[in-house]
C-alpha atoms as a PDB file:
ATOM      1  CA  MET A   1      96.136  95.252  77.095  1.00  0.00           C
ATOM      2  CA  PRO A   2      97.803  93.032  74.446  1.00  0.00           C
ATOM      3  CA  PHE A   3     101.385  93.466  75.742  1.00  0.00           C
ATOM      4  CA  LEU A   4     100.421  92.725  79.252  1.00  0.00           C
ATOM      5  CA  SER A   5      98.626  89.499  78.336  1.00  0.00           C
ATOM      6  CA  GLU A   6     101.734  88.399  76.373  1.00  0.00           C
ATOM      7  CA  ARG A   7     103.947  89.106  79.311  1.00  0.00           C
ATOM      8  CA  PHE A   8     101.566  87.207  81.636  1.00  0.00           C
ATOM      9  CA  GLU A   9     101.294  84.139  79.383  1.00  0.00           C
ATOM     10  CA  LYS A  10     105.185  84.103  78.958  1.00  0.00           C
ATOM     11  CA  SER A  11     105.541  84.201  82.776  1.00  0.00           C
ATOM     12  CA  ILE A  12     103.007  81.276  83.140  1.00  0.00           C
ATOM     13  CA  PHE A  13     105.095  79.232  80.704  1.00  0.00           C
ATOM     14  CA  GLU A  14     108.372  80.210  82.069  1.00  0.00           C
ATOM     15  CA  ASN A  15     107.472  79.288  85.627  1.00  0.00           C
ATOM     16  CA  GLY A  16     105.741  75.935  84.629  1.00  0.00           C
ATOM     17  CA  TYR A  17     102.338  76.879  86.037  1.00  0.00           C
ATOM     18  CA  LYS A  18      99.641  74.381  84.931  1.00  0.00           C
ATOM     19  CA  ASN A  19      96.455  75.578  86.574  1.00  0.00           C
ATOM     20  CA  ILE A  20      96.329  79.148  85.598  1.00  0.00           C
ATOM     21  CA  ARG A  21      94.009  80.333  82.701  1.00  0.00           C
ATOM     22  CA  PRO A  22      94.586  83.898  81.461  1.00  0.00           C
ATOM     23  CA  TYR A  23      91.685  85.861  79.894  1.00  0.00           C
ATOM     24  CA  LYS A  24      92.175  88.751  77.395  1.00  0.00           C
ATOM     25  CA  PHE A  25      89.796  91.290  78.739  1.00  0.00           C
ATOM     26  CA  ALA A  26      89.167  93.717  81.524  1.00  0.00           C
ATOM     27  CA  LEU A  27      86.812  93.003  84.303  1.00  0.00           C
ATOM     28  CA  SER A  28      83.974  95.620  84.725  1.00  0.00           C
ATOM     29  CA  ASN A  29      80.364  95.851  85.719  1.00  0.00           C
ATOM     30  CA  GLY A  30      79.056  94.581  82.317  1.00  0.00           C
ATOM     31  CA  ASP A  31      80.056  93.166  78.920  1.00  0.00           C
ATOM     32  CA  GLY A  32      81.083  95.739  76.411  1.00  0.00           C
ATOM     33  CA  ALA A  33      84.127  97.872  75.662  1.00  0.00           C
ATOM     34  CA  PHE A  34      85.941 100.732  77.500  1.00  0.00           C
ATOM     35  CA  GLU A  35      88.845 103.089  77.063  1.00  0.00           C
ATOM     36  CA  MET A  36      91.905 102.078  78.959  1.00  0.00           C
ATOM     37  CA  ALA A  37      94.673 104.748  79.667  1.00  0.00           C
ATOM     38  CA  TYR A  38      98.234 103.639  80.273  1.00  0.00           C
ATOM     39  CA  GLN A  39     101.805 104.877  80.117  1.00  0.00           C
ATOM     40  CA  PRO A  40     103.496 103.254  77.049  1.00  0.00           C
ATOM     41  CA  ASN A  41     107.096 103.536  78.296  1.00  0.00           C
ATOM     42  CA  ALA A  42     106.406 102.166  81.825  1.00  0.00           C
ATOM     43  CA  LYS A  43     108.157  99.039  82.842  1.00  0.00           C
ATOM     44  CA  ASN A  44     104.854  97.511  83.621  1.00  0.00           C
ATOM     45  CA  ALA A  45     101.231  98.637  83.555  1.00  0.00           C
ATOM     46  CA  GLU A  46     101.797 101.158  86.138  1.00  0.00           C
ATOM     47  CA  GLY A  47      99.240 103.922  85.892  1.00  0.00           C
ATOM     48  CA  SER A  48      96.816 102.018  83.659  1.00  0.00           C
ATOM     49  CA  PHE A  49      93.119 102.413  84.463  1.00  0.00           C
ATOM     50  CA  LEU A  50      89.709 102.387  82.723  1.00  0.00           C
ATOM     51  CA  ASN A  51      89.339 106.058  81.666  1.00  0.00           C
ATOM     52  CA  THR A  52      85.718 106.601  82.807  1.00  0.00           C
ATOM     53  CA  SER A  53      85.951 110.338  82.473  1.00  0.00           C
ATOM     54  CA  HIS A  54      87.966 110.288  79.157  1.00  0.00           C
ATOM     55  CA  GLU A  55      90.624 112.446  80.790  1.00  0.00           C
ATOM     56  CA  LYS A  56      93.667 113.574  78.605  1.00  0.00           C
ATOM     57  CA  LEU A  57      96.627 112.693  80.904  1.00  0.00           C
ATOM     58  CA  GLN A  58     100.108 113.799  80.154  1.00  0.00           C
ATOM     59  CA  ALA A  59     102.406 110.714  79.227  1.00  0.00           C
ATOM     60  CA  HIS A  60      99.383 108.419  78.797  1.00  0.00           C
ATOM     61  CA  THR A  61      97.808 106.894  75.686  1.00  0.00           C
ATOM     62  CA  THR A  62      94.568 105.027  75.370  1.00  0.00           C
ATOM     63  CA  ILE A  63      93.278 101.809  73.732  1.00  0.00           C
ATOM     64  CA  THR A  64      89.828 100.220  73.644  1.00  0.00           C
ATOM     65  CA  VAL A  65      89.515  97.004  75.627  1.00  0.00           C
ATOM     66  CA  LYS A  66      86.857  94.411  75.817  1.00  0.00           C
ATOM     67  CA  THR A  67      85.202  94.231  79.193  1.00  0.00           C
ATOM     68  CA  VAL A  68      83.126  91.489  80.830  1.00  0.00           C
ATOM     69  CA  ALA A  69      81.287  90.859  84.108  1.00  0.00           C
ATOM     70  CA  LEU A  70      82.925  88.185  86.183  1.00  0.00           C
ATOM     71  CA  ASP A  71      79.522  86.660  86.807  1.00  0.00           C
ATOM     72  CA  SER A  72      78.861  86.146  83.078  1.00  0.00           C
ATOM     73  CA  LEU A  73      81.753  83.771  82.837  1.00  0.00           C
ATOM     74  CA  ASN A  74      81.440  79.901  82.991  1.00  0.00           C
ATOM     75  CA  PHE A  75      84.332  78.314  84.816  1.00  0.00           C
ATOM     76  CA  GLU A  76      85.274  74.723  84.299  1.00  0.00           C
ATOM     77  CA  LYS A  77      86.458  74.216  87.659  1.00  0.00           C
ATOM     78  CA  PRO A  78      86.016  76.121  90.948  1.00  0.00           C
ATOM     79  CA  ALA A  79      88.313  79.090  91.438  1.00  0.00           C
ATOM     80  CA  ALA A  80      90.433  78.605  94.729  1.00  0.00           C
ATOM     81  CA  PHE A  81      92.426  81.801  94.172  1.00  0.00           C
ATOM     82  CA  HIS A  82      91.677  85.205  92.590  1.00  0.00           C
ATOM     83  CA  LYS A  83      94.444  87.783  92.030  1.00  0.00           C
ATOM     84  CA  MET A  84      92.939  91.154  91.056  1.00  0.00           C
ATOM     85  CA  ASP A  85      95.020  94.057  89.897  1.00  0.00           C
ATOM     86  CA  ALA A  86      92.084  96.284  89.100  1.00  0.00           C
ATOM     87  CA  ASP A  87      93.657  99.661  89.336  1.00  0.00           C
ATOM     88  CA  GLY A  88      90.610 101.517  90.525  1.00  0.00           C
ATOM     89  CA  ARG A  89      88.042  99.387  88.593  1.00  0.00           C
ATOM     90  CA  GLY A  90      87.556  97.053  91.523  1.00  0.00           C
ATOM     91  CA  THR A  91      84.126  98.262  92.567  1.00  0.00           C
ATOM     92  CA  ARG A  92      83.006  98.181  89.016  1.00  0.00           C
ATOM     93  CA  SER A  93      84.136  94.614  88.676  1.00  0.00           C
ATOM     94  CA  TRP A  94      82.729  93.530  92.096  1.00  0.00           C
ATOM     95  CA  ARG A  95      79.176  94.908  91.451  1.00  0.00           C
ATOM     96  CA  ALA A  96      78.942  92.270  88.644  1.00  0.00           C
ATOM     97  CA  ALA A  97      80.847  89.636  90.655  1.00  0.00           C
ATOM     98  CA  ASN A  98      78.830  88.927  93.738  1.00  0.00           C
ATOM     99  CA  LEU A  99      77.646  85.502  92.584  1.00  0.00           C
ATOM    100  CA  PHE A 100      81.116  84.438  91.630  1.00  0.00           C
ATOM    101  CA  PHE A 101      82.551  85.325  95.045  1.00  0.00           C
ATOM    102  CA  LYS A 102      79.552  84.066  97.089  1.00  0.00           C
ATOM    103  CA  THR A 103      79.589  80.556  95.224  1.00  0.00           C
ATOM    104  CA  MET A 104      83.253  80.088  94.627  1.00  0.00           C
ATOM    105  CA  ARG A 105      84.679  81.586  97.717  1.00  0.00           C
ATOM    106  CA  PRO A 106      88.268  82.044  96.434  1.00  0.00           C
ATOM    107  CA  LYS A 107      91.029  83.493  98.463  1.00  0.00           C
ATOM    108  CA  ILE A 108      91.660  86.889  97.054  1.00  0.00           C
ATOM    109  CA  LEU A 109      94.943  88.934  96.605  1.00  0.00           C
ATOM    110  CA  MET A 110      94.458  92.412  95.667  1.00  0.00           C
ATOM    111  CA  GLU A 111      95.427  96.014  96.182  1.00  0.00           C
ATOM    112  CA  ALA A 112      93.152  98.918  97.143  1.00  0.00           C
ATOM    113  CA  HIS A 113      94.597 102.091  95.523  1.00  0.00           C
ATOM    114  CA  PRO A 114      92.589 105.018  97.009  1.00  0.00           C
ATOM    115  CA  CYS A 115      93.388 107.641  94.291  1.00  0.00           C
ATOM    116  CA  GLN A 116      92.478 105.172  91.392  1.00  0.00           C
ATOM    117  CA  LEU A 117      89.431 103.910  93.279  1.00  0.00           C
ATOM    118  CA  LYS A 118      88.143 107.462  93.576  1.00  0.00           C
ATOM    119  CA  ARG A 119      89.019 108.298  89.943  1.00  0.00           C
ATOM    120  CA  VAL A 120      87.680 105.315  88.222  1.00  0.00           C
ATOM    121  CA  SER A 121      84.823 104.147  90.500  1.00  0.00           C
ATOM    122  CA  ASN A 122      84.036 107.117  92.630  1.00  0.00           C
ATOM    123  CA  VAL A 123      84.427 105.180  95.945  1.00  0.00           C
ATOM    124  CA  SER A 124      86.834 105.331  98.873  1.00  0.00           C
ATOM    125  CA  ALA A 125      89.115 102.557  99.746  1.00  0.00           C
ATOM    126  CA  ASN A 126      87.120 102.103 102.971  1.00  0.00           C
ATOM    127  CA  GLY A 127      83.872 101.913 100.871  1.00  0.00           C
ATOM    128  CA  PHE A 128      85.515  99.206  98.829  1.00  0.00           C
ATOM    129  CA  ILE A 129      86.524  97.186 101.779  1.00  0.00           C
ATOM    130  CA  ASN A 130      83.062  97.518 103.264  1.00  0.00           C
ATOM    131  CA  HIS A 131      81.618  96.060 100.120  1.00  0.00           C
ATOM    132  CA  LEU A 132      83.911  93.113 100.504  1.00  0.00           C
ATOM    133  CA  ASN A 133      82.801  92.666 104.140  1.00  0.00           C
ATOM    134  CA  GLU A 134      79.166  92.733 103.042  1.00  0.00           C
ATOM    135  CA  ILE A 135      79.654  89.761 100.699  1.00  0.00           C
ATOM    136  CA  GLY A 136      81.450  87.785 103.501  1.00  0.00           C
ATOM    137  CA  TYR A 137      85.145  88.521 103.102  1.00  0.00           C
ATOM    138  CA  ASP A 138      87.429  89.778 105.807  1.00  0.00           C
ATOM    139  CA  CYS A 139      90.282  92.074 104.660  1.00  0.00           C
ATOM    140  CA  TYR A 140      93.812  91.980 105.880  1.00  0.00           C
ATOM    141  CA  ALA A 141      96.854  94.046 105.065  1.00  0.00           C
ATOM    142  CA  VAL A 142      99.790  92.314 103.566  1.00  0.00           C
ATOM    143  CA  SER A 143     103.031  93.929 104.776  1.00  0.00           C
ATOM    144  CA  ASP A 144     106.740  93.563 104.037  1.00  0.00           C
ATOM    145  CA  PRO A 145     108.032  90.994 106.732  1.00  0.00           C
ATOM    146  CA  LYS A 146     111.334  92.936 106.716  1.00  0.00           C
ATOM    147  CA  LYS A 147     109.739  96.002 108.248  1.00  0.00           C
END
């Protein structure tokens, strides 16, 4: 979503990060375009997801976004870290990213949102974690150290 990529690029600049390359598309299981639903008045992209069923949701609007498969990208350098905020499209993205993760072996930080995984990709959180295990990753919960 354009406003998110603008915020992300501003954050990269303000924090002085040098080795981050933002991309302006959504990861999915193939190259193309898809409808993204989001809440325009949210403080961030909370509630955004690829609207695979073309649901009409109260307080959401939609835009068409470009999608690509991660395995179709050519990286100049090996990726050491991959932060994925897939909001349910995780399994769609991962189906077309096995080569990337098997060859690059980056550390991954992501969330598994059970409701969105079911809505967007028709898979449970356990099913998604099982897929990560199948391609050689161990999954760990990150918790608040204050708790």
